[in-house]
Amino acid sequence: MGSAAESAGPRNATMPAARRCWKQAWLAPALAGKGIRVNAVAPGPVWTPPIPSTMPDDAIKSFGEQTPMKRPGQPAELATAHVMLADPLSSYTSGTTIAVTGGKPFL
């Protein structure tokens, strides 16, 4: 699973972009013949129990405000993307990344 947050700065954008490119251009086509689908969910800022212990208080207060929705996501809000990708009715979906970012563009 990638993270939209990890590619926030130019210095950090290279590896997430490289992983997406590798997944879409090589891995998904290479495994399609074996019936294996390759997809990812890229979360934006999501409020999880460890968040308060990993940031200073001022960062916690503004966590998620950089998204157009002005709030962090909740773990349950990511679940639908995972369920959709796991559903057998999504069997034609491969090589894609679903961005659950609160409206923040995922490039």
Protein backbone atom coordinates (compact mmCIF):
# COMPACT_ATOMS: atom_id res chain seq x y z
CA MET A 1 0.00 0.00 0.00
CA GLY A 2 1.39 3.38 -0.95
CA SER A 3 0.68 6.66 0.69
CA ALA A 4 -0.31 9.93 -0.87
CA ALA A 5 1.22 11.61 2.16
CA GLU A 6 4.61 10.06 1.49
CA SER A 7 4.84 11.82 -1.86
CA ALA A 8 4.00 15.24 -0.44
CA GLY A 9 7.36 16.83 -1.20
CA PRO A 10 9.54 16.73 -4.30
CA ARG A 11 12.25 14.90 -2.37
CA ASN A 12 9.82 12.12 -1.48
CA ALA A 13 7.97 11.85 -4.79
CA THR A 14 10.39 9.62 -6.67
CA MET A 15 9.91 6.27 -4.92
CA PRO A 16 6.07 6.29 -4.78
CA ALA A 17 5.99 7.26 -8.46
CA ALA A 18 8.49 4.52 -9.30
CA ARG A 19 6.42 1.92 -7.41
CA ARG A 20 3.23 2.96 -9.23
CA CYS A 21 5.00 2.84 -12.58
CA TRP A 22 6.49 -0.59 -11.84
CA LYS A 23 3.14 -1.93 -10.68
CA GLN A 24 1.23 -0.60 -13.68
CA ALA A 25 3.80 -1.15 -16.41
CA TRP A 26 5.38 -4.42 -15.40
CA LEU A 27 3.91 -6.26 -12.43
CA ALA A 28 0.18 -6.15 -13.30
CA PRO A 29 0.67 -7.30 -16.92
CA ALA A 30 3.20 -9.95 -15.90
CA LEU A 31 0.84 -11.55 -13.38
CA ALA A 32 -2.45 -11.11 -15.26
CA GLY A 33 -2.00 -14.38 -17.15
CA LYS A 34 -1.83 -16.21 -13.83
CA GLY A 35 -5.10 -14.66 -12.66
CA ILE A 36 -3.33 -12.38 -10.18
CA ARG A 37 -4.50 -8.79 -9.96
CA VAL A 38 -2.14 -6.07 -8.73
CA ASN A 39 -3.75 -3.00 -7.16
CA ALA A 40 -3.12 -0.58 -4.32
CA VAL A 41 -4.91 1.83 -2.03
CA ALA A 42 -3.05 5.09 -1.43
CA PRO A 43 -4.32 6.76 1.74
CA GLY A 44 -3.95 10.40 2.56
CA PRO A 45 -3.74 11.44 6.21
CA VAL A 46 -5.75 8.92 8.23
CA TRP A 47 -6.42 9.20 11.95
CA THR A 48 -5.19 6.02 13.63
CA PRO A 49 -4.44 5.30 17.31
CA PRO A 50 -0.65 5.79 16.95
CA ILE A 51 -1.00 9.33 15.54
CA PRO A 52 -0.99 11.16 18.92
CA SER A 53 2.23 9.42 19.98
CA THR A 54 4.07 10.21 16.74
CA MET A 55 3.56 13.98 16.47
CA PRO A 56 3.84 17.13 18.54
CA ASP A 57 0.56 18.57 19.85
CA ASP A 58 0.42 21.42 17.31
CA ALA A 59 0.80 18.93 14.42
CA ILE A 60 -1.97 16.75 15.84
CA LYS A 61 -4.36 19.72 15.94
CA SER A 62 -3.79 20.46 12.25
CA PHE A 63 -3.49 16.84 11.08
CA GLY A 64 -5.45 16.42 7.87
CA GLU A 65 -6.21 20.12 7.38
CA GLN A 66 -4.12 20.18 4.19
CA THR A 67 -6.80 18.14 2.39
CA PRO A 68 -9.75 19.82 0.66
CA MET A 69 -12.03 18.16 3.24
CA LYS A 70 -9.99 19.85 6.00
CA ARG A 71 -9.87 16.74 8.17
CA PRO A 72 -8.09 13.40 8.39
CA GLY A 73 -9.74 10.27 7.12
CA GLN A 74 -10.94 7.51 9.40
CA PRO A 75 -9.78 3.90 8.95
CA ALA A 76 -13.32 2.79 8.08
CA GLU A 77 -13.28 5.25 5.17
CA LEU A 78 -10.44 3.26 3.59
CA ALA A 79 -12.26 -0.05 3.99
CA THR A 80 -14.58 0.42 1.03
CA ALA A 81 -11.64 0.80 -1.36
CA HIS A 82 -10.08 -2.42 -0.06
CA VAL A 83 -13.39 -4.28 -0.21
CA MET A 84 -14.00 -3.07 -3.75
CA LEU A 85 -10.60 -4.34 -4.90
CA ALA A 86 -11.10 -7.68 -3.13
CA ASP A 87 -14.59 -8.22 -4.55
CA PRO A 88 -14.75 -10.85 -7.32
CA LEU A 89 -16.84 -8.37 -9.32
CA SER A 90 -13.67 -6.27 -9.60
CA SER A 91 -11.89 -9.06 -11.46
CA TYR A 92 -11.16 -6.76 -14.44
CA THR A 93 -9.45 -4.16 -12.24
CA SER A 94 -5.67 -4.52 -12.21
CA GLY A 95 -2.70 -2.18 -12.24
CA THR A 96 -4.55 0.62 -10.51
CA THR A 97 -4.16 2.71 -7.39
CA ILE A 98 -7.23 4.03 -5.59
CA ALA A 99 -6.46 7.33 -3.90
CA VAL A 100 -8.39 7.85 -0.67
CA THR A 101 -7.02 11.30 0.05
CA GLY A 102 -9.86 13.56 1.13
CA GLY A 103 -9.84 15.19 -2.30
CA LYS A 104 -6.11 15.91 -2.42
CA PRO A 105 -4.78 15.17 -5.94
CA PHE A 106 -2.73 12.01 -6.21
CA LEU A 107 -0.20 12.39 -8.98
